[in-house]
Amino acid sequence: MKYKIPGALITLGLLGTVALWAHHSPSAEFDMSKRMTLSGTLTKIDWVNPHIMFYVQAKGTGEMWKLESNPPAWFRRVGVNRNDFAKAIGQTVTVEGNRSKDGTPFAYILKITYQDGTSLELVSEGAAAESK
């Protein structure tokens, strides 16, 4: 006996598989044993799922860095929104994080410090935002 599977079910199954594969642990892509610090100008923020992306032009080299962060839902839980970051675009920031394993200018942010000295530490899902 032959069964017919609607195309929509196949498509949904494939999309679900791709979504699960795409969401990864930071340690899959980033060297979590080595911490790096980068200072530069915050040029852009992509407030998107599954992870917010920051773009920082490094001081000195001018190299453009792509910095992965927590998901938007995490920021909402700790009381931070898109406008909190948007007002820092064009300003100097210092970020601490873990560089990609392949050595490209790509890192996972653990902490971001703004020009005025305030900072946001991005740790675990249960962590809260902090200011210094």
C-alpha atoms as a PDB file:
ATOM      1  CA  MET A   1       0.000   0.000   0.000  1.00  0.00           C
ATOM      2  CA  LYS A   2       1.334   3.463  -0.891  1.00  0.00           C
ATOM      3  CA  TYR A   3       0.908   6.463   1.347  1.00  0.00           C
ATOM      4  CA  LYS A   4       0.728  10.005   0.129  1.00  0.00           C
ATOM      5  CA  ILE A   5       2.348  12.606   2.330  1.00  0.00           C
ATOM      6  CA  PRO A   6       1.236  16.147   1.627  1.00  0.00           C
ATOM      7  CA  GLY A   7       4.041  18.426   0.449  1.00  0.00           C
ATOM      8  CA  ALA A   8       3.285  20.871   3.254  1.00  0.00           C
ATOM      9  CA  LEU A   9       4.088  18.241   5.882  1.00  0.00           C
ATOM     10  CA  ILE A  10       7.397  17.427   4.205  1.00  0.00           C
ATOM     11  CA  THR A  11       8.260  21.122   4.039  1.00  0.00           C
ATOM     12  CA  LEU A  12       7.388  21.650   7.720  1.00  0.00           C
ATOM     13  CA  GLY A  13       9.472  18.624   8.678  1.00  0.00           C
ATOM     14  CA  LEU A  14      12.465  19.904   6.750  1.00  0.00           C
ATOM     15  CA  LEU A  15      12.139  23.410   8.185  1.00  0.00           C
ATOM     16  CA  GLY A  16      11.965  22.002  11.708  1.00  0.00           C
ATOM     17  CA  THR A  17      15.082  19.941  11.113  1.00  0.00           C
ATOM     18  CA  VAL A  18      16.966  22.935   9.722  1.00  0.00           C
ATOM     19  CA  ALA A  19      15.882  25.115  12.663  1.00  0.00           C
ATOM     20  CA  LEU A  20      17.105  22.553  15.195  1.00  0.00           C
ATOM     21  CA  TRP A  21      20.386  22.128  13.343  1.00  0.00           C
ATOM     22  CA  ALA A  22      20.904  25.887  13.026  1.00  0.00           C
ATOM     23  CA  HIS A  23      20.499  26.586  16.758  1.00  0.00           C
ATOM     24  CA  HIS A  24      23.790  25.619  18.341  1.00  0.00           C
ATOM     25  CA  SER A  25      25.731  25.840  21.541  1.00  0.00           C
ATOM     26  CA  PRO A  26      28.262  28.705  21.537  1.00  0.00           C
ATOM     27  CA  SER A  27      31.036  26.155  22.075  1.00  0.00           C
ATOM     28  CA  ALA A  28      30.301  24.668  18.640  1.00  0.00           C
ATOM     29  CA  GLU A  29      31.547  27.801  16.904  1.00  0.00           C
ATOM     30  CA  PHE A  30      33.481  29.793  19.491  1.00  0.00           C
ATOM     31  CA  ASP A  31      36.587  28.981  21.574  1.00  0.00           C
ATOM     32  CA  MET A  32      35.043  29.200  25.033  1.00  0.00           C
ATOM     33  CA  SER A  33      38.386  28.605  26.775  1.00  0.00           C
ATOM     34  CA  LYS A  34      39.919  31.894  25.583  1.00  0.00           C
ATOM     35  CA  ARG A  35      38.491  35.311  26.390  1.00  0.00           C
ATOM     36  CA  MET A  36      39.239  38.337  24.196  1.00  0.00           C
ATOM     37  CA  THR A  37      38.647  42.075  24.574  1.00  0.00           C
ATOM     38  CA  LEU A  38      37.865  44.413  21.692  1.00  0.00           C
ATOM     39  CA  SER A  39      37.299  48.180  21.653  1.00  0.00           C
ATOM     40  CA  GLY A  40      35.772  50.045  18.774  1.00  0.00           C
ATOM     41  CA  THR A  41      32.784  51.876  17.361  1.00  0.00           C
ATOM     42  CA  LEU A  42      29.380  50.219  17.535  1.00  0.00           C
ATOM     43  CA  THR A  43      28.131  50.603  13.956  1.00  0.00           C
ATOM     44  CA  LYS A  44      25.027  48.418  13.705  1.00  0.00           C
ATOM     45  CA  ILE A  45      22.738  46.061  15.622  1.00  0.00           C
ATOM     46  CA  ASP A  46      20.559  43.359  14.067  1.00  0.00           C
ATOM     47  CA  TRP A  47      17.787  42.705  16.615  1.00  0.00           C
ATOM     48  CA  VAL A  48      16.739  39.325  15.204  1.00  0.00           C
ATOM     49  CA  ASN A  49      16.208  35.716  16.250  1.00  0.00           C
ATOM     50  CA  PRO A  50      17.849  33.423  17.052  1.00  0.00           C
ATOM     51  CA  HIS A  51      20.627  35.770  18.255  1.00  0.00           C
ATOM     52  CA  ILE A  52      21.138  39.521  18.197  1.00  0.00           C
ATOM     53  CA  MET A  53      24.192  40.571  16.190  1.00  0.00           C
ATOM     54  CA  PHE A  54      26.376  43.590  16.988  1.00  0.00           C
ATOM     55  CA  TYR A  55      28.859  45.086  14.519  1.00  0.00           C
ATOM     56  CA  VAL A  56      31.919  46.869  15.883  1.00  0.00           C
ATOM     57  CA  GLN A  57      34.669  48.564  13.883  1.00  0.00           C
ATOM     58  CA  ALA A  58      37.860  47.846  15.839  1.00  0.00           C
ATOM     59  CA  LYS A  59      40.075  50.680  17.034  1.00  0.00           C
ATOM     60  CA  GLY A  60      43.457  50.712  15.367  1.00  0.00           C
ATOM     61  CA  THR A  61      42.893  48.126  12.620  1.00  0.00           C
ATOM     62  CA  GLY A  62      39.482  49.325  11.433  1.00  0.00           C
ATOM     63  CA  GLU A  63      38.503  45.677  11.038  1.00  0.00           C
ATOM     64  CA  MET A  64      34.738  45.080  11.165  1.00  0.00           C
ATOM     65  CA  TRP A  65      33.729  42.525  13.789  1.00  0.00           C
ATOM     66  CA  LYS A  66      30.454  40.617  13.888  1.00  0.00           C
ATOM     67  CA  LEU A  67      29.502  39.792  17.474  1.00  0.00           C
ATOM     68  CA  GLU A  68      26.812  37.260  18.335  1.00  0.00           C
ATOM     69  CA  SER A  69      24.725  37.761  21.433  1.00  0.00           C
ATOM     70  CA  ASN A  70      21.778  36.317  23.317  1.00  0.00           C
ATOM     71  CA  PRO A  71      18.302  36.106  21.764  1.00  0.00           C
ATOM     72  CA  PRO A  72      15.910  39.089  21.908  1.00  0.00           C
ATOM     73  CA  ALA A  73      13.740  37.242  24.467  1.00  0.00           C
ATOM     74  CA  TRP A  74      16.659  37.120  26.914  1.00  0.00           C
ATOM     75  CA  PHE A  75      17.098  40.890  26.669  1.00  0.00           C
ATOM     76  CA  ARG A  76      13.375  41.464  27.198  1.00  0.00           C
ATOM     77  CA  ARG A  77      13.490  39.305  30.353  1.00  0.00           C
ATOM     78  CA  VAL A  78      16.266  41.459  31.831  1.00  0.00           C
ATOM     79  CA  GLY A  79      14.571  44.738  30.869  1.00  0.00           C
ATOM     80  CA  VAL A  80      16.753  45.708  27.896  1.00  0.00           C
ATOM     81  CA  ASN A  81      15.280  46.679  24.541  1.00  0.00           C
ATOM     82  CA  ARG A  82      16.474  47.633  21.064  1.00  0.00           C
ATOM     83  CA  ASN A  83      16.499  51.365  21.886  1.00  0.00           C
ATOM     84  CA  ASP A  84      18.941  50.768  24.761  1.00  0.00           C
ATOM     85  CA  PHE A  85      21.483  49.654  22.161  1.00  0.00           C
ATOM     86  CA  ALA A  86      20.417  51.973  19.345  1.00  0.00           C
ATOM     87  CA  LYS A  87      21.404  55.046  21.366  1.00  0.00           C
ATOM     88  CA  ALA A  88      24.966  53.647  21.565  1.00  0.00           C
ATOM     89  CA  ILE A  89      25.414  53.350  17.786  1.00  0.00           C
ATOM     90  CA  GLY A  90      28.356  55.521  16.783  1.00  0.00           C
ATOM     91  CA  GLN A  91      29.882  55.405  20.260  1.00  0.00           C
ATOM     92  CA  THR A  92      32.967  53.563  21.454  1.00  0.00           C
ATOM     93  CA  VAL A  93      32.259  50.288  23.243  1.00  0.00           C
ATOM     94  CA  THR A  94      34.453  47.611  24.757  1.00  0.00           C
ATOM     95  CA  VAL A  95      33.338  44.019  24.400  1.00  0.00           C
ATOM     96  CA  GLU A  96      34.610  40.892  26.074  1.00  0.00           C
ATOM     97  CA  GLY A  97      33.879  37.558  24.529  1.00  0.00           C
ATOM     98  CA  ASN A  98      35.040  34.401  22.844  1.00  0.00           C
ATOM     99  CA  ARG A  99      36.473  34.498  19.324  1.00  0.00           C
ATOM    100  CA  SER A 100      35.362  32.112  16.611  1.00  0.00           C
ATOM    101  CA  LYS A 101      37.381  28.936  16.281  1.00  0.00           C
ATOM    102  CA  ASP A 102      38.191  29.682  12.634  1.00  0.00           C
ATOM    103  CA  GLY A 103      39.955  32.961  13.509  1.00  0.00           C
ATOM    104  CA  THR A 104      37.609  35.238  11.546  1.00  0.00           C
ATOM    105  CA  PRO A 105      36.522  38.579  13.108  1.00  0.00           C
ATOM    106  CA  PHE A 106      33.486  36.928  14.698  1.00  0.00           C
ATOM    107  CA  ALA A 107      32.943  36.466  18.437  1.00  0.00           C
ATOM    108  CA  TYR A 108      30.345  35.645  21.086  1.00  0.00           C
ATOM    109  CA  ILE A 109      29.788  38.575  23.471  1.00  0.00           C
ATOM    110  CA  LEU A 110      30.006  37.973  27.210  1.00  0.00           C
ATOM    111  CA  LYS A 111      30.056  41.623  28.291  1.00  0.00           C
ATOM    112  CA  ILE A 112      29.631  45.025  26.632  1.00  0.00           C
ATOM    113  CA  THR A 113      30.780  48.269  28.267  1.00  0.00           C
ATOM    114  CA  TYR A 114      29.627  51.644  26.994  1.00  0.00           C
ATOM    115  CA  GLN A 115      31.462  54.981  26.828  1.00  0.00           C
ATOM    116  CA  ASP A 116      29.796  56.198  30.027  1.00  0.00           C
ATOM    117  CA  GLY A 117      31.087  53.152  31.951  1.00  0.00           C
ATOM    118  CA  THR A 118      27.789  51.273  32.208  1.00  0.00           C
ATOM    119  CA  SER A 119      27.916  47.649  31.179  1.00  0.00           C
ATOM    120  CA  LEU A 120      25.768  44.646  30.460  1.00  0.00           C
ATOM    121  CA  GLU A 121      27.033  41.181  31.233  1.00  0.00           C
ATOM    122  CA  LEU A 122      25.528  38.485  29.034  1.00  0.00           C
ATOM    123  CA  VAL A 123      25.899  35.269  30.913  1.00  0.00           C
ATOM    124  CA  SER A 124      23.347  32.494  31.322  1.00  0.00           C
ATOM    125  CA  GLU A 125      19.622  32.415  30.590  1.00  0.00           C
ATOM    126  CA  GLY A 126      18.837  33.146  34.249  1.00  0.00           C
ATOM    127  CA  ALA A 127      21.241  36.052  34.565  1.00  0.00           C
ATOM    128  CA  ALA A 128      20.217  39.665  34.900  1.00  0.00           C
ATOM    129  CA  ALA A 129      21.542  42.860  33.386  1.00  0.00           C
ATOM    130  CA  GLU A 130      23.885  44.829  35.555  1.00  0.00           C
ATOM    131  CA  SER A 131      25.250  48.335  35.518  1.00  0.00           C
ATOM    132  CA  LYS A 132      28.492  49.502  37.046  1.00  0.00           C
END
